[in-house]
């Protein structure tokens, strides 16, 4: 059976996790997603197990004694996804709930705006610490590609903190 649609980013990421980890149980894939810094990837067993089953039925994964490995077709699907050309979604400014909310801050009074920005900064700083910990883990294990991917998450989070501080400063002066 083959899929009658393009693979989703979540499906492709699952293939990549299995490629990276080598033969592994579905539970290991679930744990990898559960520990992700990217909220959209924090999928639970209820979505990952059926996803792996679909990928197996489509011939993109092989399964032996409950251990998944990526097939040649799965490797080709990953290569096609990784290599350019990129579509506009791949390089666009991703959905950002803080940015979306910022468009409508005029609905809040000054103390609520301060609460919004202060809370956002504090929570982003927690995300940054977690990303930095993951980055150091990848550096210690020598996983250069995961290190570079996590470095992107660190830089993105640092930029979001700087942006939110700028919003806080600008609106704090004009309130």
N, C-alpha and C. Protein backbone atom coordinates (compact mmCIF):
# COMPACT_ATOMS: atom_id res chain seq x y z
N UNK A 1 0.85 -1.19 0.00
CA UNK A 1 0.00 0.00 0.00
C UNK A 1 0.89 1.24 0.00
N UNK A 2 0.51 2.22 -0.78
CA UNK A 2 1.23 3.49 -0.74
C UNK A 2 0.25 4.57 -0.30
N UNK A 3 0.81 5.64 0.21
CA UNK A 3 -0.04 6.76 0.63
C UNK A 3 -0.50 7.51 -0.60
N UNK A 4 -1.74 7.97 -0.58
CA UNK A 4 -2.29 8.70 -1.72
C UNK A 4 -2.18 10.21 -1.53
N UNK A 5 -1.22 10.60 -0.71
CA UNK A 5 -1.01 12.02 -0.42
C UNK A 5 0.46 12.22 -0.06
N UNK A 6 0.92 13.46 -0.09
CA UNK A 6 2.30 13.71 0.35
C UNK A 6 2.45 13.42 1.84
N UNK A 7 3.61 13.02 2.23
CA UNK A 7 3.89 12.78 3.64
C UNK A 7 3.87 14.10 4.41
N UNK A 8 3.37 14.06 5.63
CA UNK A 8 3.37 15.24 6.48
C UNK A 8 4.75 15.43 7.09
N UNK A 9 4.99 16.61 7.60
CA UNK A 9 6.26 16.88 8.28
C UNK A 9 6.41 15.96 9.49
N UNK A 10 5.33 15.68 10.19
CA UNK A 10 5.38 14.78 11.34
C UNK A 10 5.78 13.37 10.89
N UNK A 11 5.22 12.89 9.80
CA UNK A 11 5.57 11.56 9.28
C UNK A 11 7.04 11.52 8.85
N UNK A 12 7.47 12.54 8.16
CA UNK A 12 8.86 12.59 7.71
C UNK A 12 9.82 12.69 8.90
N UNK A 13 9.43 13.41 9.91
CA UNK A 13 10.26 13.51 11.10
C UNK A 13 10.34 12.16 11.80
N UNK A 14 9.25 11.42 11.84
CA UNK A 14 9.26 10.07 12.42
C UNK A 14 10.23 9.18 11.64
N UNK A 15 10.20 9.27 10.32
CA UNK A 15 11.16 8.50 9.51
C UNK A 15 12.59 8.89 9.88
N UNK A 16 12.83 10.18 10.03
CA UNK A 16 14.16 10.66 10.38
C UNK A 16 14.61 10.19 11.76
N UNK A 17 13.69 10.15 12.70
CA UNK A 17 14.03 9.67 14.05
C UNK A 17 14.46 8.21 13.98
N UNK A 18 13.72 7.42 13.21
CA UNK A 18 14.06 6.00 13.09
C UNK A 18 15.38 5.83 12.36
N UNK A 19 15.64 6.64 11.35
CA UNK A 19 16.93 6.60 10.67
C UNK A 19 18.05 6.92 11.65
N UNK A 20 17.85 7.96 12.44
CA UNK A 20 18.87 8.44 13.38
C UNK A 20 19.12 7.43 14.51
N UNK A 21 18.06 6.86 15.03
CA UNK A 21 18.18 5.96 16.18
C UNK A 21 18.55 4.53 15.79
N UNK A 22 18.30 4.17 14.53
CA UNK A 22 18.51 2.78 14.14
C UNK A 22 17.31 1.95 14.56
N UNK A 23 17.43 0.65 14.50
CA UNK A 23 16.28 -0.16 14.90
C UNK A 23 15.79 0.24 16.28
N UNK A 24 14.50 0.53 16.38
CA UNK A 24 13.96 0.96 17.67
C UNK A 24 12.49 0.60 17.78
N UNK A 25 12.04 0.53 19.00
CA UNK A 25 10.64 0.29 19.28
C UNK A 25 9.83 1.56 19.02
N UNK A 26 8.56 1.40 18.77
CA UNK A 26 7.67 2.55 18.60
C UNK A 26 7.71 3.44 19.83
N UNK A 27 7.85 2.84 20.99
CA UNK A 27 7.92 3.61 22.24
C UNK A 27 9.07 4.61 22.23
N UNK A 28 10.20 4.23 21.64
CA UNK A 28 11.35 5.14 21.56
C UNK A 28 11.01 6.35 20.69
N UNK A 29 10.25 6.13 19.62
CA UNK A 29 9.84 7.24 18.75
C UNK A 29 8.88 8.14 19.52
N UNK A 30 7.94 7.55 20.25
CA UNK A 30 7.00 8.33 21.06
C UNK A 30 7.77 9.19 22.06
N UNK A 31 8.76 8.60 22.72
CA UNK A 31 9.56 9.36 23.70
C UNK A 31 10.32 10.51 23.05
N UNK A 32 10.83 10.29 21.86
CA UNK A 32 11.56 11.35 21.15
C UNK A 32 10.63 12.54 20.87
N UNK A 33 9.42 12.24 20.41
CA UNK A 33 8.46 13.31 20.16
C UNK A 33 8.02 13.98 21.46
N UNK A 34 7.80 13.19 22.50
CA UNK A 34 7.34 13.74 23.77
C UNK A 34 8.35 14.72 24.36
N UNK A 35 9.63 14.50 24.11
CA UNK A 35 10.67 15.38 24.64
C UNK A 35 11.04 16.53 23.75
N UNK A 36 10.32 16.71 22.66
CA UNK A 36 10.67 17.74 21.69
C UNK A 36 10.46 19.14 22.25
N UNK A 37 11.33 20.07 21.85
CA UNK A 37 11.17 21.48 22.19
C UNK A 37 10.11 22.14 21.31
N UNK A 38 9.75 21.48 20.22
CA UNK A 38 8.76 22.02 19.30
C UNK A 38 7.40 21.47 19.68
N UNK A 39 6.51 22.35 20.13
CA UNK A 39 5.21 21.92 20.64
C UNK A 39 4.45 21.09 19.60
N UNK A 40 4.54 21.47 18.34
CA UNK A 40 3.80 20.75 17.30
C UNK A 40 4.26 19.30 17.18
N UNK A 41 5.46 19.00 17.66
CA UNK A 41 5.99 17.64 17.58
C UNK A 41 5.73 16.84 18.84
N UNK A 42 5.10 17.42 19.82
CA UNK A 42 4.85 16.70 21.07
C UNK A 42 3.63 15.79 20.94
N UNK A 43 3.70 14.93 19.97
CA UNK A 43 2.61 13.99 19.73
C UNK A 43 2.74 12.82 20.69
N UNK A 44 1.59 12.31 21.11
CA UNK A 44 1.58 11.18 22.01
C UNK A 44 1.44 9.86 21.28
N UNK A 45 1.39 8.81 22.07
CA UNK A 45 1.29 7.46 21.52
C UNK A 45 0.05 7.30 20.65
N UNK A 46 -1.02 8.01 21.00
CA UNK A 46 -2.26 7.89 20.25
C UNK A 46 -2.15 8.32 18.80
N UNK A 47 -1.17 9.17 18.49
CA UNK A 47 -0.99 9.56 17.09
C UNK A 47 0.25 8.92 16.47
N UNK A 48 1.26 8.62 17.28
CA UNK A 48 2.51 8.07 16.72
C UNK A 48 2.36 6.60 16.33
N UNK A 49 1.71 5.79 17.15
CA UNK A 49 1.57 4.37 16.81
C UNK A 49 0.82 4.19 15.48
N UNK A 50 -0.32 4.86 15.28
CA UNK A 50 -0.99 4.73 13.97
C UNK A 50 -0.15 5.30 12.81
N UNK A 51 0.59 6.36 13.09
CA UNK A 51 1.46 6.95 12.08
C UNK A 51 2.52 5.94 11.64
N UNK A 52 3.15 5.27 12.60
CA UNK A 52 4.16 4.27 12.27
C UNK A 52 3.55 3.10 11.50
N UNK A 53 2.35 2.72 11.87
CA UNK A 53 1.65 1.64 11.17
C UNK A 53 1.42 2.04 9.71
N UNK A 54 0.97 3.28 9.48
CA UNK A 54 0.75 3.77 8.10
C UNK A 54 2.05 3.77 7.31
N UNK A 55 3.13 4.24 7.93
CA UNK A 55 4.41 4.27 7.23
C UNK A 55 4.91 2.86 6.91
N UNK A 56 4.66 1.93 7.81
CA UNK A 56 5.03 0.54 7.57
C UNK A 56 4.21 -0.04 6.42
N UNK A 57 2.90 0.20 6.46
CA UNK A 57 2.02 -0.31 5.40
C UNK A 57 2.35 0.32 4.04
N UNK A 58 2.86 1.54 4.06
CA UNK A 58 3.23 2.22 2.82
C UNK A 58 4.61 1.79 2.32
N UNK A 59 5.30 0.92 3.08
CA UNK A 59 6.60 0.43 2.66
C UNK A 59 7.76 1.35 2.99
N UNK A 60 7.51 2.35 3.83
CA UNK A 60 8.56 3.30 4.19
C UNK A 60 9.34 2.86 5.43
N UNK A 61 8.75 1.95 6.18
CA UNK A 61 9.39 1.37 7.35
C UNK A 61 9.32 -0.14 7.26
N UNK A 62 10.29 -0.78 7.87
CA UNK A 62 10.25 -2.23 8.04
C UNK A 62 10.14 -2.49 9.53
N UNK A 63 9.50 -3.60 9.88
CA UNK A 63 9.31 -3.92 11.29
C UNK A 63 9.64 -5.39 11.51
N UNK A 64 10.57 -5.63 12.43
CA UNK A 64 10.97 -6.99 12.78
C UNK A 64 10.96 -7.10 14.30
N UNK A 65 10.10 -7.96 14.81
CA UNK A 65 9.98 -8.15 16.26
C UNK A 65 9.76 -6.82 16.98
N UNK A 66 8.86 -6.03 16.42
CA UNK A 66 8.44 -4.74 16.98
C UNK A 66 9.52 -3.65 16.88
N UNK A 67 10.62 -3.92 16.22
CA UNK A 67 11.67 -2.92 16.02
C UNK A 67 11.56 -2.37 14.60
N UNK A 68 11.43 -1.05 14.53
CA UNK A 68 11.30 -0.38 13.24
C UNK A 68 12.67 0.02 12.69
N UNK A 69 12.81 -0.14 11.39
CA UNK A 69 13.95 0.41 10.66
C UNK A 69 13.39 1.08 9.42
N UNK A 70 14.14 2.00 8.88
CA UNK A 70 13.69 2.71 7.69
C UNK A 70 14.05 1.90 6.45
N UNK A 71 13.13 1.84 5.51
CA UNK A 71 13.36 1.10 4.26
C UNK A 71 14.06 2.02 3.25
N UNK A 72 14.47 1.45 2.14
CA UNK A 72 15.06 2.27 1.07
C UNK A 72 14.06 3.31 0.58
N UNK A 73 12.79 2.92 0.48
CA UNK A 73 11.75 3.88 0.06
C UNK A 73 11.62 5.00 1.08
N UNK A 74 11.76 4.68 2.36
CA UNK A 74 11.71 5.70 3.41
C UNK A 74 12.89 6.64 3.32
N UNK A 75 14.06 6.09 3.05
CA UNK A 75 15.26 6.93 2.88
C UNK A 75 15.07 7.86 1.69
N UNK A 76 14.53 7.35 0.60
CA UNK A 76 14.30 8.20 -0.58
C UNK A 76 13.29 9.30 -0.28
N UNK A 77 12.25 8.97 0.48
CA UNK A 77 11.25 9.99 0.86
C UNK A 77 11.91 11.09 1.69
N UNK A 78 12.78 10.70 2.63
CA UNK A 78 13.50 11.68 3.45
C UNK A 78 14.41 12.55 2.59
N UNK A 79 15.16 11.92 1.69
CA UNK A 79 16.07 12.67 0.82
C UNK A 79 15.30 13.69 -0.01
N UNK A 80 14.17 13.28 -0.55
CA UNK A 80 13.35 14.18 -1.36
C UNK A 80 12.87 15.36 -0.52
N UNK A 81 12.51 15.12 0.73
CA UNK A 81 12.03 16.16 1.62
C UNK A 81 13.15 17.12 2.00
N UNK A 82 14.34 16.58 2.26
CA UNK A 82 15.45 17.40 2.74
C UNK A 82 16.01 18.30 1.65
N UNK A 83 16.13 17.77 0.44
CA UNK A 83 16.76 18.53 -0.64
C UNK A 83 15.84 19.62 -1.19
N UNK A 84 16.41 20.77 -1.60
CA UNK A 84 15.61 21.79 -2.29
C UNK A 84 15.04 21.22 -3.58
N UNK A 85 14.01 21.80 -4.13
CA UNK A 85 13.46 23.11 -3.78
C UNK A 85 12.56 23.03 -2.54
N UNK A 86 12.52 24.12 -1.80
CA UNK A 86 11.66 24.23 -0.64
C UNK A 86 10.36 24.89 -1.08
N UNK A 87 9.29 24.55 -0.39
CA UNK A 87 8.04 25.26 -0.68
C UNK A 87 7.93 26.46 0.26
N UNK A 88 6.96 27.30 0.03
CA UNK A 88 6.85 28.53 0.80
C UNK A 88 6.62 28.28 2.29
N UNK A 89 6.00 27.17 2.65
CA UNK A 89 5.78 26.86 4.06
C UNK A 89 7.11 26.55 4.74
N UNK A 90 8.02 25.90 4.03
CA UNK A 90 9.30 25.50 4.61
C UNK A 90 10.14 26.69 5.06
N UNK A 91 10.07 27.79 4.37
CA UNK A 91 10.92 28.94 4.69
C UNK A 91 10.14 30.16 5.16
N UNK A 92 8.85 30.01 5.34
CA UNK A 92 8.05 31.15 5.79
C UNK A 92 8.26 31.39 7.27
N UNK A 93 7.73 32.49 7.75
CA UNK A 93 7.70 32.75 9.17
C UNK A 93 6.64 31.84 9.75
N UNK A 94 7.07 30.91 10.57
CA UNK A 94 6.15 29.91 11.11
C UNK A 94 5.09 30.53 12.00
N UNK A 95 4.03 29.78 12.20
CA UNK A 95 2.98 30.21 13.11
C UNK A 95 3.58 30.47 14.48
N UNK A 96 3.35 31.60 15.02
CA UNK A 96 3.88 31.99 16.31
C UNK A 96 2.74 32.59 17.11
N UNK A 97 2.30 31.87 18.12
CA UNK A 97 1.14 32.31 18.90
C UNK A 97 1.40 33.63 19.60
N UNK A 98 2.63 33.88 20.05
CA UNK A 98 2.92 35.17 20.69
C UNK A 98 2.80 36.31 19.68
N UNK A 99 3.35 36.11 18.49
CA UNK A 99 3.27 37.15 17.47
C UNK A 99 1.81 37.40 17.09
N UNK A 100 1.04 36.33 16.95
CA UNK A 100 -0.37 36.49 16.60
C UNK A 100 -1.11 37.28 17.66
N UNK A 101 -0.84 36.99 18.93
CA UNK A 101 -1.50 37.72 20.01
C UNK A 101 -1.07 39.18 20.05
N UNK A 102 0.19 39.44 19.71
CA UNK A 102 0.72 40.80 19.76
C UNK A 102 -0.06 41.75 18.85
N UNK A 103 -0.59 41.25 17.76
CA UNK A 103 -1.40 42.09 16.87
C UNK A 103 -2.57 42.72 17.61
N UNK A 104 -3.02 42.11 18.67
CA UNK A 104 -4.26 42.54 19.32
C UNK A 104 -4.06 43.03 20.76
N UNK A 105 -2.84 43.40 21.11
CA UNK A 105 -2.57 43.85 22.47
C UNK A 105 -3.36 45.10 22.84
N UNK A 106 -3.85 45.83 21.86
CA UNK A 106 -4.62 47.05 22.18
C UNK A 106 -5.88 46.73 22.98
N UNK A 107 -6.29 45.47 22.98
CA UNK A 107 -7.45 45.08 23.78
C UNK A 107 -7.15 45.00 25.27
N UNK A 108 -5.88 45.03 25.62
CA UNK A 108 -5.48 44.90 27.02
C UNK A 108 -5.14 46.24 27.63
N UNK A 109 -5.32 46.32 28.94
CA UNK A 109 -4.89 47.55 29.61
C UNK A 109 -3.39 47.45 29.89
N UNK A 110 -2.76 48.55 30.28
CA UNK A 110 -1.30 48.56 30.46
C UNK A 110 -0.77 47.47 31.39
N UNK A 111 -1.46 47.21 32.49
CA UNK A 111 -0.96 46.18 33.41
C UNK A 111 -1.08 44.79 32.78
N UNK A 112 -2.09 44.57 31.97
CA UNK A 112 -2.24 43.28 31.29
C UNK A 112 -1.18 43.10 30.20
N UNK A 113 -0.85 44.19 29.53
CA UNK A 113 0.22 44.11 28.52
C UNK A 113 1.54 43.78 29.20
N UNK A 114 1.80 44.41 30.34
CA UNK A 114 3.02 44.10 31.08
C UNK A 114 3.02 42.65 31.53
N UNK A 115 1.89 42.16 31.99
CA UNK A 115 1.78 40.75 32.40
C UNK A 115 2.03 39.84 31.21
N UNK A 116 1.45 40.16 30.06
CA UNK A 116 1.65 39.38 28.84
C UNK A 116 3.13 39.29 28.47
N UNK A 117 3.79 40.45 28.38
CA UNK A 117 5.19 40.46 27.95
C UNK A 117 6.11 39.83 28.99
N UNK A 118 5.89 40.11 30.26
CA UNK A 118 6.72 39.53 31.32
C UNK A 118 6.60 38.02 31.35
N UNK A 119 5.38 37.53 31.24
CA UNK A 119 5.15 36.08 31.25
C UNK A 119 5.76 35.44 30.02
N UNK A 120 5.59 36.07 28.87
CA UNK A 120 6.16 35.52 27.63
C UNK A 120 7.68 35.42 27.74
N UNK A 121 8.31 36.47 28.25
CA UNK A 121 9.77 36.47 28.40
C UNK A 121 10.20 35.36 29.36
N UNK A 122 9.53 35.24 30.49
CA UNK A 122 9.90 34.21 31.47
C UNK A 122 9.76 32.81 30.88
N UNK A 123 8.70 32.57 30.16
CA UNK A 123 8.49 31.24 29.58
C UNK A 123 9.46 30.97 28.43
N UNK A 124 9.76 32.00 27.64
CA UNK A 124 10.77 31.83 26.59
C UNK A 124 12.14 31.54 27.18
N UNK A 125 12.45 32.17 28.31
CA UNK A 125 13.74 31.90 28.96
C UNK A 125 13.82 30.45 29.43
N UNK A 126 12.70 29.88 29.86
CA UNK A 126 12.68 28.46 30.25
C UNK A 126 12.90 27.57 29.02
N UNK A 127 12.27 27.92 27.91
CA UNK A 127 12.48 27.18 26.67
C UNK A 127 13.94 27.27 26.26
N UNK A 128 14.52 28.46 26.37
CA UNK A 128 15.92 28.65 26.01
C UNK A 128 16.84 27.75 26.84
N UNK A 129 16.61 27.69 28.14
CA UNK A 129 17.43 26.82 29.01
C UNK A 129 17.33 25.36 28.58
N UNK A 130 16.14 24.94 28.26
CA UNK A 130 15.95 23.56 27.82
C UNK A 130 16.65 23.29 26.49
N UNK A 131 16.52 24.24 25.56
CA UNK A 131 17.21 24.10 24.27
C UNK A 131 18.72 24.07 24.45
N UNK A 132 19.24 24.91 25.33
CA UNK A 132 20.68 24.94 25.59
C UNK A 132 21.16 23.63 26.19
N UNK A 133 20.36 23.04 27.06
CA UNK A 133 20.71 21.74 27.64
C UNK A 133 20.76 20.68 26.55
N UNK A 134 19.74 20.67 25.68
CA UNK A 134 19.73 19.71 24.57
C UNK A 134 20.91 19.93 23.64
N UNK A 135 21.23 21.18 23.38
CA UNK A 135 22.37 21.50 22.52
C UNK A 135 23.67 20.92 23.10
N UNK A 136 23.87 21.10 24.39
CA UNK A 136 25.08 20.57 25.03
C UNK A 136 25.11 19.05 24.98
N UNK A 137 23.96 18.43 25.13
CA UNK A 137 23.89 16.96 25.04
C UNK A 137 24.32 16.51 23.65
N UNK A 138 23.80 17.16 22.62
CA UNK A 138 24.19 16.80 21.25
C UNK A 138 25.68 17.04 21.02
N UNK A 139 26.21 18.12 21.56
CA UNK A 139 27.65 18.39 21.41
C UNK A 139 28.48 17.29 22.07
N UNK A 140 28.06 16.87 23.25
CA UNK A 140 28.81 15.83 23.98
C UNK A 140 28.75 14.48 23.27
N UNK A 141 27.63 14.20 22.63
CA UNK A 141 27.50 12.90 21.96
C UNK A 141 28.11 12.92 20.56
N UNK A 142 28.47 14.11 20.07
CA UNK A 142 29.07 14.22 18.75
C UNK A 142 28.07 14.17 17.61
N UNK A 143 26.78 14.34 17.92
CA UNK A 143 25.74 14.33 16.89
C UNK A 143 25.67 15.73 16.27
N UNK A 144 26.55 15.97 15.31
CA UNK A 144 26.71 17.31 14.74
C UNK A 144 25.43 17.83 14.07
N UNK A 145 24.71 16.98 13.39
CA UNK A 145 23.52 17.46 12.68
C UNK A 145 22.42 17.85 13.66
N UNK A 146 22.22 17.05 14.70
CA UNK A 146 21.25 17.42 15.74
C UNK A 146 21.73 18.66 16.49
N UNK A 147 23.04 18.77 16.67
CA UNK A 147 23.60 19.96 17.31
C UNK A 147 23.25 21.21 16.51
N UNK A 148 23.44 21.17 15.21
CA UNK A 148 23.13 22.34 14.39
C UNK A 148 21.63 22.65 14.37
N UNK A 149 20.81 21.61 14.35
CA UNK A 149 19.36 21.84 14.39
C UNK A 149 18.97 22.50 15.71
N UNK A 150 19.52 22.02 16.83
CA UNK A 150 19.20 22.60 18.12
C UNK A 150 19.79 23.99 18.26
N UNK A 151 20.94 24.25 17.65
CA UNK A 151 21.50 25.59 17.66
C UNK A 151 20.52 26.57 17.00
N UNK A 152 19.85 26.11 15.96
CA UNK A 152 18.81 26.94 15.33
C UNK A 152 17.69 27.26 16.30
N UNK A 153 17.29 26.27 17.11
CA UNK A 153 16.24 26.50 18.10
C UNK A 153 16.72 27.49 19.17
N UNK A 154 17.99 27.38 19.57
CA UNK A 154 18.54 28.32 20.55
C UNK A 154 18.52 29.74 19.98
N UNK A 155 19.03 29.91 18.76
CA UNK A 155 19.08 31.24 18.16
C UNK A 155 17.68 31.82 17.95
N UNK A 156 16.77 30.98 17.51
CA UNK A 156 15.39 31.45 17.31
C UNK A 156 14.78 31.90 18.64
N UNK A 157 15.00 31.15 19.70
CA UNK A 157 14.44 31.50 21.00
C UNK A 157 15.09 32.77 21.54
N UNK A 158 16.39 32.90 21.36
CA UNK A 158 17.07 34.14 21.77
C UNK A 158 16.48 35.34 21.03
N UNK A 159 16.22 35.18 19.76
CA UNK A 159 15.63 36.28 18.98
C UNK A 159 14.22 36.61 19.46
N UNK A 160 13.45 35.59 19.80
CA UNK A 160 12.09 35.83 20.29
C UNK A 160 12.11 36.56 21.63
N UNK A 161 13.07 36.22 22.50
CA UNK A 161 13.20 36.92 23.78
C UNK A 161 13.56 38.38 23.53
N UNK A 162 14.53 38.63 22.65
CA UNK A 162 14.92 40.01 22.34
C UNK A 162 13.75 40.80 21.77
N UNK A 163 12.98 40.16 20.89
CA UNK A 163 11.81 40.82 20.30
C UNK A 163 10.78 41.15 21.38
N UNK A 164 10.49 40.20 22.25
CA UNK A 164 9.47 40.44 23.29
C UNK A 164 9.94 41.51 24.26
N UNK A 165 11.24 41.58 24.55
CA UNK A 165 11.77 42.66 25.41
C UNK A 165 11.61 44.01 24.71
N UNK A 166 11.80 44.01 23.40
CA UNK A 166 11.62 45.25 22.63
C UNK A 166 10.16 45.70 22.68
N UNK A 167 9.24 44.75 22.53
CA UNK A 167 7.80 45.07 22.63
C UNK A 167 7.50 45.63 24.02
N UNK A 168 8.00 44.96 25.03
CA UNK A 168 7.77 45.40 26.40
C UNK A 168 8.30 46.81 26.65
N UNK A 169 9.49 47.07 26.16
CA UNK A 169 10.11 48.37 26.34
C UNK A 169 9.34 49.45 25.59
N UNK A 170 8.99 49.19 24.35
CA UNK A 170 8.30 50.17 23.54
C UNK A 170 6.90 50.47 24.07
N UNK A 171 6.18 49.45 24.45
CA UNK A 171 4.82 49.67 24.93
C UNK A 171 4.82 50.22 26.34
N UNK A 172 5.84 49.86 27.13
CA UNK A 172 5.94 50.37 28.49
C UNK A 172 6.15 51.87 28.52
N UNK A 173 6.87 52.37 27.52
CA UNK A 173 7.13 53.83 27.43
C UNK A 173 5.91 54.58 26.92
N UNK A 174 5.10 53.93 26.09
CA UNK A 174 4.00 54.64 25.43
C UNK A 174 2.64 54.43 26.11
N UNK A 175 2.64 53.69 27.21
CA UNK A 175 1.38 53.44 27.88
C UNK A 175 1.02 54.65 28.68
